[in-house]
Amino acid sequence: MTPARLRECLDLLHWSQRGLARILSCDEGTVRQWARGAVVIPVGVAAWLEKRATHASKTPPPVRKEHLTSP
């Protein structure tokens, strides 16, 4: 996984780098290093994140319809 793809996945999931660090129980600095390309993203993390991002892109949240008011 490239740093750009990591950021794309986070965008699809509406997650921040800080949020991903919390989910993974790792240091925020580690996730920032992944996002900059300073450290290689572990294969297991990349696969897990790709799976979630793929699911999110195939199943977007429902669109809220505006409530109609009676005249």
C-alpha atoms as a PDB file:
ATOM      1  CA  MET A   1       0.000   0.000   0.000  1.00  0.00           C
ATOM      2  CA  THR A   2       1.298   3.403  -0.922  1.00  0.00           C
ATOM      3  CA  PRO A   3       0.983   6.425   1.340  1.00  0.00           C
ATOM      4  CA  ALA A   4      -1.437   7.939  -1.192  1.00  0.00           C
ATOM      5  CA  ARG A   5      -3.632   4.839  -1.081  1.00  0.00           C
ATOM      6  CA  LEU A   6      -3.566   4.914   2.723  1.00  0.00           C
ATOM      7  CA  ARG A   7      -4.914   8.470   2.623  1.00  0.00           C
ATOM      8  CA  GLU A   8      -7.546   7.467   0.035  1.00  0.00           C
ATOM      9  CA  CYS A   9      -8.720   4.623   2.257  1.00  0.00           C
ATOM     10  CA  LEU A  10      -8.929   6.917   5.258  1.00  0.00           C
ATOM     11  CA  ASP A  11     -10.975   9.388   3.200  1.00  0.00           C
ATOM     12  CA  LEU A  12     -13.359   6.637   2.050  1.00  0.00           C
ATOM     13  CA  LEU A  13     -13.841   5.548   5.642  1.00  0.00           C
ATOM     14  CA  HIS A  14     -14.061   9.118   6.990  1.00  0.00           C
ATOM     15  CA  TRP A  15     -11.235   8.287   9.392  1.00  0.00           C
ATOM     16  CA  SER A  16      -8.391  10.516  10.452  1.00  0.00           C
ATOM     17  CA  GLN A  17      -4.830   9.339  10.962  1.00  0.00           C
ATOM     18  CA  ARG A  18      -5.421   9.818  14.667  1.00  0.00           C
ATOM     19  CA  GLY A  19      -8.581   7.707  14.470  1.00  0.00           C
ATOM     20  CA  LEU A  20      -6.741   4.907  12.673  1.00  0.00           C
ATOM     21  CA  ALA A  21      -4.037   4.967  15.342  1.00  0.00           C
ATOM     22  CA  ARG A  22      -6.701   4.601  18.036  1.00  0.00           C
ATOM     23  CA  ILE A  23      -8.396   1.741  16.188  1.00  0.00           C
ATOM     24  CA  LEU A  24      -5.073  -0.063  15.780  1.00  0.00           C
ATOM     25  CA  SER A  25      -3.886   0.800  19.305  1.00  0.00           C
ATOM     26  CA  CYS A  26      -0.669   2.210  17.924  1.00  0.00           C
ATOM     27  CA  ASP A  27       1.136   5.512  18.165  1.00  0.00           C
ATOM     28  CA  GLU A  28      -0.162   8.390  16.035  1.00  0.00           C
ATOM     29  CA  GLY A  29       3.397   9.052  14.938  1.00  0.00           C
ATOM     30  CA  THR A  30       3.546   5.610  13.358  1.00  0.00           C
ATOM     31  CA  VAL A  31       0.464   6.302  11.245  1.00  0.00           C
ATOM     32  CA  ARG A  32       1.863   9.712  10.266  1.00  0.00           C
ATOM     33  CA  GLN A  33       5.086   7.991   9.149  1.00  0.00           C
ATOM     34  CA  TRP A  34       3.051   5.556   7.042  1.00  0.00           C
ATOM     35  CA  ALA A  35       1.159   8.465   5.470  1.00  0.00           C
ATOM     36  CA  ARG A  36       4.434  10.261   4.635  1.00  0.00           C
ATOM     37  CA  GLY A  37       6.077   7.127   3.289  1.00  0.00           C
ATOM     38  CA  ALA A  38       8.819   7.244   5.911  1.00  0.00           C
ATOM     39  CA  VAL A  39       7.902   3.757   7.149  1.00  0.00           C
ATOM     40  CA  VAL A  40       6.414   0.877   5.160  1.00  0.00           C
ATOM     41  CA  ILE A  41       2.798   0.101   6.025  1.00  0.00           C
ATOM     42  CA  PRO A  42       2.605  -3.456   7.402  1.00  0.00           C
ATOM     43  CA  VAL A  43       1.031  -5.928   4.985  1.00  0.00           C
ATOM     44  CA  GLY A  44      -1.597  -7.003   7.514  1.00  0.00           C
ATOM     45  CA  VAL A  45      -2.665  -3.423   8.187  1.00  0.00           C
ATOM     46  CA  ALA A  46      -2.778  -2.641   4.467  1.00  0.00           C
ATOM     47  CA  ALA A  47      -4.933  -5.702   3.711  1.00  0.00           C
ATOM     48  CA  TRP A  48      -7.285  -4.961   6.612  1.00  0.00           C
ATOM     49  CA  LEU A  49      -7.647  -1.320   5.580  1.00  0.00           C
ATOM     50  CA  GLU A  50      -8.209  -2.192   1.901  1.00  0.00           C
ATOM     51  CA  LYS A  51     -10.966  -4.600   2.875  1.00  0.00           C
ATOM     52  CA  ARG A  52     -12.762  -1.947   4.914  1.00  0.00           C
ATOM     53  CA  ALA A  53     -12.319   0.739   2.267  1.00  0.00           C
ATOM     54  CA  THR A  54     -13.630  -1.575  -0.454  1.00  0.00           C
ATOM     55  CA  HIS A  55     -16.669  -2.381   1.647  1.00  0.00           C
ATOM     56  CA  ALA A  56     -17.265   1.312   2.370  1.00  0.00           C
ATOM     57  CA  SER A  57     -17.081   2.222  -1.314  1.00  0.00           C
ATOM     58  CA  LYS A  58     -19.537  -0.537  -2.277  1.00  0.00           C
ATOM     59  CA  THR A  59     -21.990   0.186   0.529  1.00  0.00           C
ATOM     60  CA  PRO A  60     -22.288   3.939   1.040  1.00  0.00           C
ATOM     61  CA  PRO A  61     -24.467   5.199   3.861  1.00  0.00           C
ATOM     62  CA  PRO A  62     -28.106   5.893   3.071  1.00  0.00           C
ATOM     63  CA  VAL A  63     -28.954   9.332   1.777  1.00  0.00           C
ATOM     64  CA  ARG A  64     -31.189  11.280   4.100  1.00  0.00           C
ATOM     65  CA  LYS A  65     -34.274  12.545   2.395  1.00  0.00           C
ATOM     66  CA  GLU A  66     -35.496  15.975   3.343  1.00  0.00           C
ATOM     67  CA  HIS A  67     -38.616  15.873   5.446  1.00  0.00           C
ATOM     68  CA  LEU A  68     -41.579  17.202   3.549  1.00  0.00           C
ATOM     69  CA  THR A  69     -43.727  19.643   5.434  1.00  0.00           C
ATOM     70  CA  SER A  70     -47.444  19.871   4.873  1.00  0.00           C
ATOM     71  CA  PRO A  71     -48.784  23.246   3.664  1.00  0.00           C
END
